[in-house]
Each structure stands twice: as C-alpha cells, then as structure tokens.
C-alpha cells in the first residue's frame, strides 16, 4: 500500500520590519500559487503572517481580525482553483477574545476546521487567549494535526496527536531561538518519538544572522531526518513522501509480527497507567 503525496512549506521572506497587511497577503498568495505549480497536495504558511513584520503591530492586529473572513475567502479561491489543502495561521477574534488560529482549508476551498494555539509565549497573553483542544483534520490522504510555535516545547501536544494517529504534524512558527539547532532538534524528536512526519514553516531575513528570522522551513521524516529544507533563505521546501512507508522494527520472529514497524513498537508498549504524574496540576 502506498499513500504518496507532495508537501510544501513556506520560508516567508521578511524584507523589512515595516511590512503591511497587504504586502504580507500578496506575498502569501504568491507562495501558495508556487506550491500549486509544484503540484502540491498541501501547503503550510507560517504563524500569523498577516501581521508579522508590520511596524504598527496593534493596529495591524485589529485590521487583520476585522478582515478574517475576506482573508480566508481569498485563500479559499486559490485553494479551490489549485485543488490544494491549505494551513492559514492568522489572528482570529471571537467575542471579546483574540486567538492565534490556524485555519484548515480543503481542496475545494472549504473551511474544514481550526486549531487555536494552546501554549502562549511569555507576553503573548497580553493580547491573545489560548485554545484548549487538539483537533485532527481528515483529508483524502490521511489525518493531520497542527501545533503553533511555543507548543513545540510541550511534548504532551505532539503525543496527543500521535495517540490520535495523525500522519503529519504541521508547525507554523515565527521562532528563531534559542537557536535553529535547538528548535530543529525538538522538531526531529517529535517525528521520531511519534513516528509521523513533521513540517515546519517560518520566516526568513537576508542575510541570516543570529537574532534574525532563520527560515529553515522543512519536512522531517519519522526517522528524524530532515528530508527537505529551505536553509536560511526564503522560498518553499517541497517533497513527495509516502505516508505508508514507516520504519521497520529491528526485532525478528514473533516480535517482528507483533511490532512490524517502530510505530507499533512504541505505541503498543506504552504504560499509561504509570503516567499519572503528567496530569497533576502544578
């Protein structure tokens, strides 16, 4: 059996710290159109790209949430024309609260659902409210999950998605530290521990220097290897993967039958009855 798909993820160019919502939207549309040219099945844009790099962040946030529907409509049309799944991470307002939300659009441009960032970075809670659920989104090739930026530091998030049997975990982010090695090691560990693909989207400044946006949009295989990567530059990382490939368990005989792949080995040998400490409130 084989489920071969093409994944694209964006290293979003940040020419300056004086962007506008309109310039960010125009750039985002072009990235998605390029992913379609590459015959991608799914494409992920980085965290809150409508307002990132805009000099007047507060006003940009207000404008972005006031235009959420029209922004999604624009991407919906592109998704329907290109028959591509899209992950669109923008601010969202509901009632009195603003959320950091990743919207998931299907190949017809329809809104399938959304994930709201659950773990906010220090200071982010001044304007953003956290979410509290971990939805899984069904596609014609399998299931996906989404975490956002700070979520990567909490292994419970990626494990929940593993227990929900996702095939790919997407990670739109704006992070550049403590270092790229720090972040990519975390991402690779999520892929290895849970035996699914992990996909990062981020921002890029040229030239890359410590303290600047690093780019490194990439796809990580379940063995922890980075199989495509934009490097420290803007652009799109695109690769074809087989979601059914898996990685074989090294045992033989009856153990091989019981644990044909590392995924079965890891999950069938969990001991949840001993993990009570994890759910105690600090």
C-alpha atoms as a PDB file:
ATOM      1  CA  UNK A   1       0.000   0.000   0.000  1.00  0.00           C
ATOM      2  CA  UNK A   2       1.227   3.485  -0.750  1.00  0.00           C
ATOM      3  CA  UNK A   3      -0.040   6.976   0.044  1.00  0.00           C
ATOM      4  CA  UNK A   4       2.234   9.258  -1.905  1.00  0.00           C
ATOM      5  CA  UNK A   5       1.627  12.982  -1.528  1.00  0.00           C
ATOM      6  CA  UNK A   6       3.513  16.212  -2.175  1.00  0.00           C
ATOM      7  CA  UNK A   7       4.052  18.533   0.790  1.00  0.00           C
ATOM      8  CA  UNK A   8       5.082  22.191   0.524  1.00  0.00           C
ATOM      9  CA  UNK A   9       6.040  24.503   3.371  1.00  0.00           C
ATOM     10  CA  UNK A  10       6.988  28.174   3.289  1.00  0.00           C
ATOM     11  CA  UNK A  11      10.013  30.131   4.464  1.00  0.00           C
ATOM     12  CA  UNK A  12       8.274  33.505   4.297  1.00  0.00           C
ATOM     13  CA  UNK A  13      10.512  36.355   3.157  1.00  0.00           C
ATOM     14  CA  UNK A  14      10.599  39.301   5.566  1.00  0.00           C
ATOM     15  CA  UNK A  15      12.220  42.124   3.549  1.00  0.00           C
ATOM     16  CA  UNK A  16      11.939  44.607   6.440  1.00  0.00           C
ATOM     17  CA  UNK A  17      10.207  45.250   9.732  1.00  0.00           C
ATOM     18  CA  UNK A  18       7.942  47.752   8.002  1.00  0.00           C
ATOM     19  CA  UNK A  19       5.627  45.396   6.157  1.00  0.00           C
ATOM     20  CA  UNK A  20       1.895  45.934   5.715  1.00  0.00           C
ATOM     21  CA  UNK A  21      -1.005  43.540   5.903  1.00  0.00           C
ATOM     22  CA  UNK A  22      -1.457  43.943   2.141  1.00  0.00           C
ATOM     23  CA  UNK A  23       2.182  43.212   1.288  1.00  0.00           C
ATOM     24  CA  UNK A  24       2.130  40.141   3.524  1.00  0.00           C
ATOM     25  CA  UNK A  25      -1.065  38.881   1.918  1.00  0.00           C
ATOM     26  CA  UNK A  26       0.316  39.410  -1.575  1.00  0.00           C
ATOM     27  CA  UNK A  27       3.466  37.500  -0.700  1.00  0.00           C
ATOM     28  CA  UNK A  28       1.452  34.684   0.903  1.00  0.00           C
ATOM     29  CA  UNK A  29      -0.748  34.297  -2.177  1.00  0.00           C
ATOM     30  CA  UNK A  30       2.339  34.009  -4.375  1.00  0.00           C
ATOM     31  CA  UNK A  31       3.817  31.284  -2.182  1.00  0.00           C
ATOM     32  CA  UNK A  32       0.618  29.250  -2.380  1.00  0.00           C
ATOM     33  CA  UNK A  33       0.442  29.680  -6.157  1.00  0.00           C
ATOM     34  CA  UNK A  34       4.024  28.440  -6.414  1.00  0.00           C
ATOM     35  CA  UNK A  35       3.125  25.398  -4.300  1.00  0.00           C
ATOM     36  CA  UNK A  36       0.271  24.690  -6.711  1.00  0.00           C
ATOM     37  CA  UNK A  37       2.661  24.899  -9.669  1.00  0.00           C
ATOM     38  CA  UNK A  38       4.684  22.202  -7.933  1.00  0.00           C
ATOM     39  CA  UNK A  39       1.543  20.016  -7.819  1.00  0.00           C
ATOM     40  CA  UNK A  40       1.493  20.076  -4.021  1.00  0.00           C
ATOM     41  CA  UNK A  41      -1.297  18.347  -2.139  1.00  0.00           C
ATOM     42  CA  UNK A  42      -0.902  20.561   0.924  1.00  0.00           C
ATOM     43  CA  UNK A  43       0.891  23.791   1.822  1.00  0.00           C
ATOM     44  CA  UNK A  44       1.575  25.434   5.176  1.00  0.00           C
ATOM     45  CA  UNK A  45       2.161  29.159   5.774  1.00  0.00           C
ATOM     46  CA  UNK A  46       3.880  30.438   8.958  1.00  0.00           C
ATOM     47  CA  UNK A  47       2.434  31.810  12.170  1.00  0.00           C
ATOM     48  CA  UNK A  48       0.205  34.955  11.975  1.00  0.00           C
ATOM     49  CA  UNK A  49       1.759  36.045   8.670  1.00  0.00           C
ATOM     50  CA  UNK A  50      -0.774  38.832   8.136  1.00  0.00           C
ATOM     51  CA  UNK A  51       0.675  40.901  10.983  1.00  0.00           C
ATOM     52  CA  UNK A  52       4.242  39.660  11.320  1.00  0.00           C
ATOM     53  CA  UNK A  53       6.838  42.293  10.474  1.00  0.00           C
ATOM     54  CA  UNK A  54       4.257  45.098  10.434  1.00  0.00           C
ATOM     55  CA  UNK A  55       5.641  48.126  12.255  1.00  0.00           C
ATOM     56  CA  UNK A  56       2.373  49.069  13.970  1.00  0.00           C
ATOM     57  CA  UNK A  57       1.522  45.624  15.293  1.00  0.00           C
ATOM     58  CA  UNK A  58      -1.507  46.624  17.384  1.00  0.00           C
ATOM     59  CA  UNK A  59      -3.335  48.355  14.519  1.00  0.00           C
ATOM     60  CA  UNK A  60      -2.362  45.545  12.141  1.00  0.00           C
ATOM     61  CA  UNK A  61      -3.839  43.020  14.592  1.00  0.00           C
ATOM     62  CA  UNK A  62      -7.089  44.960  14.760  1.00  0.00           C
ATOM     63  CA  UNK A  63      -7.268  45.255  10.966  1.00  0.00           C
ATOM     64  CA  UNK A  64      -6.426  41.599  10.409  1.00  0.00           C
ATOM     65  CA  UNK A  65      -9.117  40.248  12.748  1.00  0.00           C
ATOM     66  CA  UNK A  66     -11.671  42.615  11.214  1.00  0.00           C
ATOM     67  CA  UNK A  67     -10.892  41.118   7.800  1.00  0.00           C
ATOM     68  CA  UNK A  68     -10.663  37.436   8.770  1.00  0.00           C
ATOM     69  CA  UNK A  69     -13.495  36.338   6.505  1.00  0.00           C
ATOM     70  CA  UNK A  70     -12.261  38.223   3.448  1.00  0.00           C
ATOM     71  CA  UNK A  71      -8.693  36.973   4.032  1.00  0.00           C
ATOM     72  CA  UNK A  72      -9.919  33.379   4.195  1.00  0.00           C
ATOM     73  CA  UNK A  73     -12.102  33.942   1.115  1.00  0.00           C
ATOM     74  CA  UNK A  74      -9.016  34.943  -0.860  1.00  0.00           C
ATOM     75  CA  UNK A  75      -7.180  31.779   0.075  1.00  0.00           C
ATOM     76  CA  UNK A  76     -10.326  29.715  -0.413  1.00  0.00           C
ATOM     77  CA  UNK A  77     -10.483  30.744  -4.067  1.00  0.00           C
ATOM     78  CA  UNK A  78      -6.825  29.873  -4.613  1.00  0.00           C
ATOM     79  CA  UNK A  79      -7.231  26.500  -2.850  1.00  0.00           C
ATOM     80  CA  UNK A  80     -10.268  25.614  -4.980  1.00  0.00           C
ATOM     81  CA  UNK A  81      -8.533  26.598  -8.205  1.00  0.00           C
ATOM     82  CA  UNK A  82      -5.389  24.657  -7.341  1.00  0.00           C
ATOM     83  CA  UNK A  83      -7.122  21.732  -5.587  1.00  0.00           C
ATOM     84  CA  UNK A  84      -4.765  22.061  -2.632  1.00  0.00           C
ATOM     85  CA  UNK A  85      -5.152  21.819   1.146  1.00  0.00           C
ATOM     86  CA  UNK A  86      -4.003  24.970   2.974  1.00  0.00           C
ATOM     87  CA  UNK A  87      -2.989  25.802   6.541  1.00  0.00           C
ATOM     88  CA  UNK A  88      -3.632  29.517   7.103  1.00  0.00           C
ATOM     89  CA  UNK A  89      -2.407  30.758  10.510  1.00  0.00           C
ATOM     90  CA  UNK A  90      -3.822  34.234  11.252  1.00  0.00           C
ATOM     91  CA  UNK A  91      -5.298  36.087  14.250  1.00  0.00           C
ATOM     92  CA  UNK A  92      -8.986  35.424  14.885  1.00  0.00           C
ATOM     93  CA  UNK A  93     -11.490  37.305  17.046  1.00  0.00           C
ATOM     94  CA  UNK A  94     -14.391  35.630  18.784  1.00  0.00           C
ATOM     95  CA  UNK A  95     -16.434  37.655  21.222  1.00  0.00           C
ATOM     96  CA  UNK A  96     -14.048  39.701  23.335  1.00  0.00           C
ATOM     97  CA  UNK A  97     -11.065  37.446  22.690  1.00  0.00           C
ATOM     98  CA  UNK A  98      -8.374  37.174  20.027  1.00  0.00           C
ATOM     99  CA  UNK A  99      -6.884  33.762  19.270  1.00  0.00           C
ATOM    100  CA  UNK A 100      -3.789  32.674  17.378  1.00  0.00           C
ATOM    101  CA  UNK A 101      -5.603  30.378  14.966  1.00  0.00           C
ATOM    102  CA  UNK A 102      -4.581  28.008  12.194  1.00  0.00           C
ATOM    103  CA  UNK A 103      -7.448  27.525   9.739  1.00  0.00           C
ATOM    104  CA  UNK A 104      -7.526  24.385   7.593  1.00  0.00           C
ATOM    105  CA  UNK A 105      -8.998  24.651   4.085  1.00  0.00           C
ATOM    106  CA  UNK A 106      -9.716  21.642   1.871  1.00  0.00           C
ATOM    107  CA  UNK A 107      -9.149  21.182  -1.865  1.00  0.00           C
ATOM    108  CA  UNK A 108     -12.484  22.860  -2.606  1.00  0.00           C
ATOM    109  CA  UNK A 109     -11.581  25.886  -0.522  1.00  0.00           C
ATOM    110  CA  UNK A 110     -14.000  24.908   2.233  1.00  0.00           C
ATOM    111  CA  UNK A 111     -13.097  25.554   5.865  1.00  0.00           C
ATOM    112  CA  UNK A 112     -12.661  22.133   7.481  1.00  0.00           C
ATOM    113  CA  UNK A 113     -11.802  23.404  10.957  1.00  0.00           C
ATOM    114  CA  UNK A 114      -9.258  25.278  13.015  1.00  0.00           C
ATOM    115  CA  UNK A 115      -6.661  24.889  15.736  1.00  0.00           C
ATOM    116  CA  UNK A 116      -6.094  27.589  18.344  1.00  0.00           C
ATOM    117  CA  UNK A 117      -2.616  27.829  19.859  1.00  0.00           C
ATOM    118  CA  UNK A 118      -2.725  26.269  23.324  1.00  0.00           C
ATOM    119  CA  UNK A 119       0.641  27.354  24.796  1.00  0.00           C
ATOM    120  CA  UNK A 120       1.275  31.084  24.563  1.00  0.00           C
ATOM    121  CA  UNK A 121       4.746  32.599  24.616  1.00  0.00           C
ATOM    122  CA  UNK A 122       5.578  34.949  27.514  1.00  0.00           C
ATOM    123  CA  UNK A 123       3.933  38.305  26.832  1.00  0.00           C
ATOM    124  CA  UNK A 124       1.618  36.926  24.173  1.00  0.00           C
ATOM    125  CA  UNK A 125      -1.199  36.558  26.683  1.00  0.00           C
ATOM    126  CA  UNK A 126      -1.438  40.371  26.829  1.00  0.00           C
ATOM    127  CA  UNK A 127      -3.346  40.276  23.521  1.00  0.00           C
ATOM    128  CA  UNK A 128      -4.061  36.607  22.807  1.00  0.00           C
ATOM    129  CA  UNK A 129      -6.195  33.958  24.544  1.00  0.00           C
ATOM    130  CA  UNK A 130      -5.112  30.325  24.441  1.00  0.00           C
ATOM    131  CA  UNK A 131      -7.108  27.461  22.948  1.00  0.00           C
ATOM    132  CA  UNK A 132      -7.717  24.160  24.734  1.00  0.00           C
ATOM    133  CA  UNK A 133      -8.344  21.444  22.128  1.00  0.00           C
ATOM    134  CA  UNK A 134      -6.277  19.349  19.721  1.00  0.00           C
ATOM    135  CA  UNK A 135      -8.423  18.670  16.655  1.00  0.00           C
ATOM    136  CA  UNK A 136      -7.448  16.202  13.958  1.00  0.00           C
ATOM    137  CA  UNK A 137      -8.330  17.016  10.352  1.00  0.00           C
ATOM    138  CA  UNK A 138      -9.221  14.309   7.849  1.00  0.00           C
ATOM    139  CA  UNK A 139      -8.016  14.564   4.259  1.00  0.00           C
ATOM    140  CA  UNK A 140      -8.195  12.322   1.213  1.00  0.00           C
ATOM    141  CA  UNK A 141      -4.692  11.043   2.031  1.00  0.00           C
ATOM    142  CA  UNK A 142      -4.882  10.682   5.833  1.00  0.00           C
ATOM    143  CA  UNK A 143      -5.035  12.750   9.009  1.00  0.00           C
ATOM    144  CA  UNK A 144      -3.128  15.847  10.066  1.00  0.00           C
ATOM    145  CA  UNK A 145      -2.617  17.813  13.266  1.00  0.00           C
ATOM    146  CA  UNK A 146      -1.376  21.347  13.880  1.00  0.00           C
ATOM    147  CA  UNK A 147       0.633  22.932  16.676  1.00  0.00           C
ATOM    148  CA  UNK A 148       1.860  26.538  16.703  1.00  0.00           C
ATOM    149  CA  UNK A 149       5.235  27.975  17.737  1.00  0.00           C
ATOM    150  CA  UNK A 150       5.515  27.710  21.571  1.00  0.00           C
ATOM    151  CA  UNK A 151       3.557  24.438  21.512  1.00  0.00           C
ATOM    152  CA  UNK A 152       6.697  22.625  20.385  1.00  0.00           C
ATOM    153  CA  UNK A 153       8.223  22.927  23.864  1.00  0.00           C
ATOM    154  CA  UNK A 154       5.488  20.751  25.370  1.00  0.00           C
ATOM    155  CA  UNK A 155       5.802  17.074  24.381  1.00  0.00           C
ATOM    156  CA  UNK A 156       2.254  16.376  25.529  1.00  0.00           C
ATOM    157  CA  UNK A 157       0.951  18.204  22.454  1.00  0.00           C
ATOM    158  CA  UNK A 158       2.754  16.030  19.930  1.00  0.00           C
ATOM    159  CA  UNK A 159       1.966  12.857  21.907  1.00  0.00           C
ATOM    160  CA  UNK A 160      -1.753  13.632  21.898  1.00  0.00           C
ATOM    161  CA  UNK A 161      -1.608  13.884  18.107  1.00  0.00           C
ATOM    162  CA  UNK A 162       0.309  10.618  17.978  1.00  0.00           C
ATOM    163  CA  UNK A 163      -2.364   8.907  20.046  1.00  0.00           C
ATOM    164  CA  UNK A 164      -4.922  10.317  17.615  1.00  0.00           C
ATOM    165  CA  UNK A 165      -2.970   8.620  14.815  1.00  0.00           C
ATOM    166  CA  UNK A 166      -2.101  11.629  12.664  1.00  0.00           C
ATOM    167  CA  UNK A 167       0.122  11.095   9.634  1.00  0.00           C
ATOM    168  CA  UNK A 168       1.608  14.603   9.612  1.00  0.00           C
ATOM    169  CA  UNK A 169       2.024  17.256  12.298  1.00  0.00           C
ATOM    170  CA  UNK A 170       2.378  20.807  10.970  1.00  0.00           C
ATOM    171  CA  UNK A 171       4.206  23.501  12.915  1.00  0.00           C
ATOM    172  CA  UNK A 172       3.722  27.079  11.695  1.00  0.00           C
ATOM    173  CA  UNK A 173       6.011  29.321  13.747  1.00  0.00           C
ATOM    174  CA  UNK A 174       7.815  32.655  13.947  1.00  0.00           C
ATOM    175  CA  UNK A 175      10.533  31.437  16.287  1.00  0.00           C
ATOM    176  CA  UNK A 176      14.269  31.881  15.746  1.00  0.00           C
ATOM    177  CA  UNK A 177      15.681  30.688  19.028  1.00  0.00           C
ATOM    178  CA  UNK A 178      17.299  29.915  21.311  1.00  0.00           C
ATOM    179  CA  UNK A 179      18.943  28.589  18.125  1.00  0.00           C
ATOM    180  CA  UNK A 180      17.991  26.751  14.975  1.00  0.00           C
ATOM    181  CA  UNK A 181      19.671  23.593  16.305  1.00  0.00           C
ATOM    182  CA  UNK A 182      17.562  23.833  19.459  1.00  0.00           C
ATOM    183  CA  UNK A 183      14.310  24.148  17.523  1.00  0.00           C
ATOM    184  CA  UNK A 184      15.074  21.591  14.838  1.00  0.00           C
ATOM    185  CA  UNK A 185      16.197  19.060  17.434  1.00  0.00           C
ATOM    186  CA  UNK A 186      12.832  19.475  19.142  1.00  0.00           C
ATOM    187  CA  UNK A 187      11.015  19.024  15.843  1.00  0.00           C
ATOM    188  CA  UNK A 188      13.059  15.973  14.889  1.00  0.00           C
ATOM    189  CA  UNK A 189      12.395  14.407  18.283  1.00  0.00           C
ATOM    190  CA  UNK A 190       8.644  14.844  17.792  1.00  0.00           C
ATOM    191  CA  UNK A 191       8.840  12.973  14.491  1.00  0.00           C
ATOM    192  CA  UNK A 192      10.933  10.152  15.951  1.00  0.00           C
ATOM    193  CA  UNK A 193       9.017   9.726  19.206  1.00  0.00           C
ATOM    194  CA  UNK A 194       5.644   9.638  17.478  1.00  0.00           C
ATOM    195  CA  UNK A 195       6.579   8.111  14.112  1.00  0.00           C
ATOM    196  CA  UNK A 196       4.915  10.656  11.857  1.00  0.00           C
ATOM    197  CA  UNK A 197       6.086  13.419   9.527  1.00  0.00           C
ATOM    198  CA  UNK A 198       6.646  16.890  10.979  1.00  0.00           C
ATOM    199  CA  UNK A 199       6.511  20.050   8.862  1.00  0.00           C
ATOM    200  CA  UNK A 200       7.790  23.499   9.896  1.00  0.00           C
ATOM    201  CA  UNK A 201       7.028  26.860   8.273  1.00  0.00           C
ATOM    202  CA  UNK A 202       8.833  30.025   9.364  1.00  0.00           C
ATOM    203  CA  UNK A 203      10.207  33.440   8.314  1.00  0.00           C
ATOM    204  CA  UNK A 204      13.465  34.398   6.652  1.00  0.00           C
ATOM    205  CA  UNK A 205      15.596  37.542   6.628  1.00  0.00           C
ATOM    206  CA  UNK A 206      18.537  38.060   4.280  1.00  0.00           C
ATOM    207  CA  UNK A 207      21.317  37.802   5.189  1.00  0.00           C
ATOM    208  CA  UNK A 208      20.648  35.430   8.051  1.00  0.00           C
ATOM    209  CA  UNK A 209      22.417  36.417  11.267  1.00  0.00           C
ATOM    210  CA  UNK A 210      21.845  35.294  14.875  1.00  0.00           C
ATOM    211  CA  UNK A 211      18.778  37.061  16.241  1.00  0.00           C
ATOM    212  CA  UNK A 212      17.145  37.310  12.821  1.00  0.00           C
ATOM    213  CA  UNK A 213      14.454  35.116  11.325  1.00  0.00           C
ATOM    214  CA  UNK A 214      16.184  31.923  10.259  1.00  0.00           C
ATOM    215  CA  UNK A 215      13.928  30.412   7.620  1.00  0.00           C
ATOM    216  CA  UNK A 216      14.528  26.657   7.742  1.00  0.00           C
ATOM    217  CA  UNK A 217      11.076  25.661   6.527  1.00  0.00           C
ATOM    218  CA  UNK A 218      11.438  21.904   6.364  1.00  0.00           C
ATOM    219  CA  UNK A 219       9.923  18.440   6.369  1.00  0.00           C
ATOM    220  CA  UNK A 220      11.156  15.853   8.884  1.00  0.00           C
ATOM    221  CA  UNK A 221      10.621  12.128   8.283  1.00  0.00           C
ATOM    222  CA  UNK A 222       9.630   9.695  11.057  1.00  0.00           C
ATOM    223  CA  UNK A 223      13.287   8.614  11.374  1.00  0.00           C
ATOM    224  CA  UNK A 224      14.210  12.183  12.349  1.00  0.00           C
ATOM    225  CA  UNK A 225      15.980  13.070   9.129  1.00  0.00           C
ATOM    226  CA  UNK A 226      15.283  16.467   7.551  1.00  0.00           C
ATOM    227  CA  UNK A 227      14.363  15.432   4.014  1.00  0.00           C
ATOM    228  CA  UNK A 228      13.802  18.891   2.529  1.00  0.00           C
ATOM    229  CA  UNK A 229      14.807  22.306   3.838  1.00  0.00           C
ATOM    230  CA  UNK A 230      14.883  25.889   2.522  1.00  0.00           C
ATOM    231  CA  UNK A 231      18.031  26.604   4.534  1.00  0.00           C
ATOM    232  CA  UNK A 232      18.482  30.153   5.824  1.00  0.00           C
ATOM    233  CA  UNK A 233      16.673  31.602   2.847  1.00  0.00           C
ATOM    234  CA  UNK A 234      13.131  32.434   1.775  1.00  0.00           C
ATOM    235  CA  UNK A 235      11.207  30.141  -0.531  1.00  0.00           C
ATOM    236  CA  UNK A 236       9.351  26.850  -0.453  1.00  0.00           C
ATOM    237  CA  UNK A 237      10.507  23.387   0.569  1.00  0.00           C
ATOM    238  CA  UNK A 238       8.636  20.737  -1.428  1.00  0.00           C
ATOM    239  CA  UNK A 239       8.923  16.973  -1.340  1.00  0.00           C
ATOM    240  CA  UNK A 240       6.977  13.836  -2.223  1.00  0.00           C
ATOM    241  CA  UNK A 241       6.554  11.383   0.652  1.00  0.00           C
ATOM    242  CA  UNK A 242       4.900   8.013   1.166  1.00  0.00           C
ATOM    243  CA  UNK A 243       2.807   8.152   4.314  1.00  0.00           C
ATOM    244  CA  UNK A 244       2.716   4.338   4.455  1.00  0.00           C
ATOM    245  CA  UNK A 245       6.466   3.854   4.316  1.00  0.00           C
ATOM    246  CA  UNK A 246       7.063   3.590   8.068  1.00  0.00           C
ATOM    247  CA  UNK A 247      10.250   2.290   9.662  1.00  0.00           C
ATOM    248  CA  UNK A 248      10.659  -1.366  10.472  1.00  0.00           C
ATOM    249  CA  UNK A 249      11.280  -2.607  13.983  1.00  0.00           C
ATOM    250  CA  UNK A 250      14.653  -4.318  14.268  1.00  0.00           C
ATOM    251  CA  UNK A 251      13.353  -7.465  16.017  1.00  0.00           C
ATOM    252  CA  UNK A 252      12.605 -10.788  14.329  1.00  0.00           C
ATOM    253  CA  UNK A 253      10.265 -13.757  14.685  1.00  0.00           C
ATOM    254  CA  UNK A 254       7.161 -13.248  16.812  1.00  0.00           C
ATOM    255  CA  UNK A 255       8.286  -9.803  17.883  1.00  0.00           C
ATOM    256  CA  UNK A 256       8.537  -8.780  14.260  1.00  0.00           C
ATOM    257  CA  UNK A 257       4.942  -9.924  13.687  1.00  0.00           C
ATOM    258  CA  UNK A 258       3.725  -8.053  16.753  1.00  0.00           C
ATOM    259  CA  UNK A 259       5.731  -4.906  16.022  1.00  0.00           C
ATOM    260  CA  UNK A 260       6.169  -4.663  12.250  1.00  0.00           C
ATOM    261  CA  UNK A 261       7.217  -1.008  12.489  1.00  0.00           C
ATOM    262  CA  UNK A 262       8.652   1.300  15.123  1.00  0.00           C
ATOM    263  CA  UNK A 263       5.245   2.947  15.389  1.00  0.00           C
ATOM    264  CA  UNK A 264       3.598  -0.236  16.656  1.00  0.00           C
ATOM    265  CA  UNK A 265       6.555  -0.930  18.917  1.00  0.00           C
ATOM    266  CA  UNK A 266       6.401   2.483  20.571  1.00  0.00           C
ATOM    267  CA  UNK A 267       2.641   2.731  20.980  1.00  0.00           C
ATOM    268  CA  UNK A 268       1.856  -0.859  21.948  1.00  0.00           C
ATOM    269  CA  UNK A 269       4.493  -0.753  24.683  1.00  0.00           C
ATOM    270  CA  UNK A 270       3.278   2.470  26.338  1.00  0.00           C
ATOM    271  CA  UNK A 271       2.371   2.273  30.051  1.00  0.00           C
ATOM    272  CA  UNK A 272      -0.301   4.962  30.510  1.00  0.00           C
ATOM    273  CA  UNK A 273      -1.271   3.529  33.895  1.00  0.00           C
ATOM    274  CA  UNK A 274       2.082   4.823  35.205  1.00  0.00           C
ATOM    275  CA  UNK A 275       1.814   8.329  33.753  1.00  0.00           C
ATOM    276  CA  UNK A 276      -0.481   9.909  36.329  1.00  0.00           C
ATOM    277  CA  UNK A 277       2.177  12.448  37.339  1.00  0.00           C
ATOM    278  CA  UNK A 278       1.808  14.069  33.922  1.00  0.00           C
ATOM    279  CA  UNK A 279      -1.737  15.239  34.508  1.00  0.00           C
ATOM    280  CA  UNK A 280      -1.317  16.606  38.016  1.00  0.00           C
ATOM    281  CA  UNK A 281      -1.863  20.355  38.178  1.00  0.00           C
ATOM    282  CA  UNK A 282       1.214  22.245  39.381  1.00  0.00           C
END
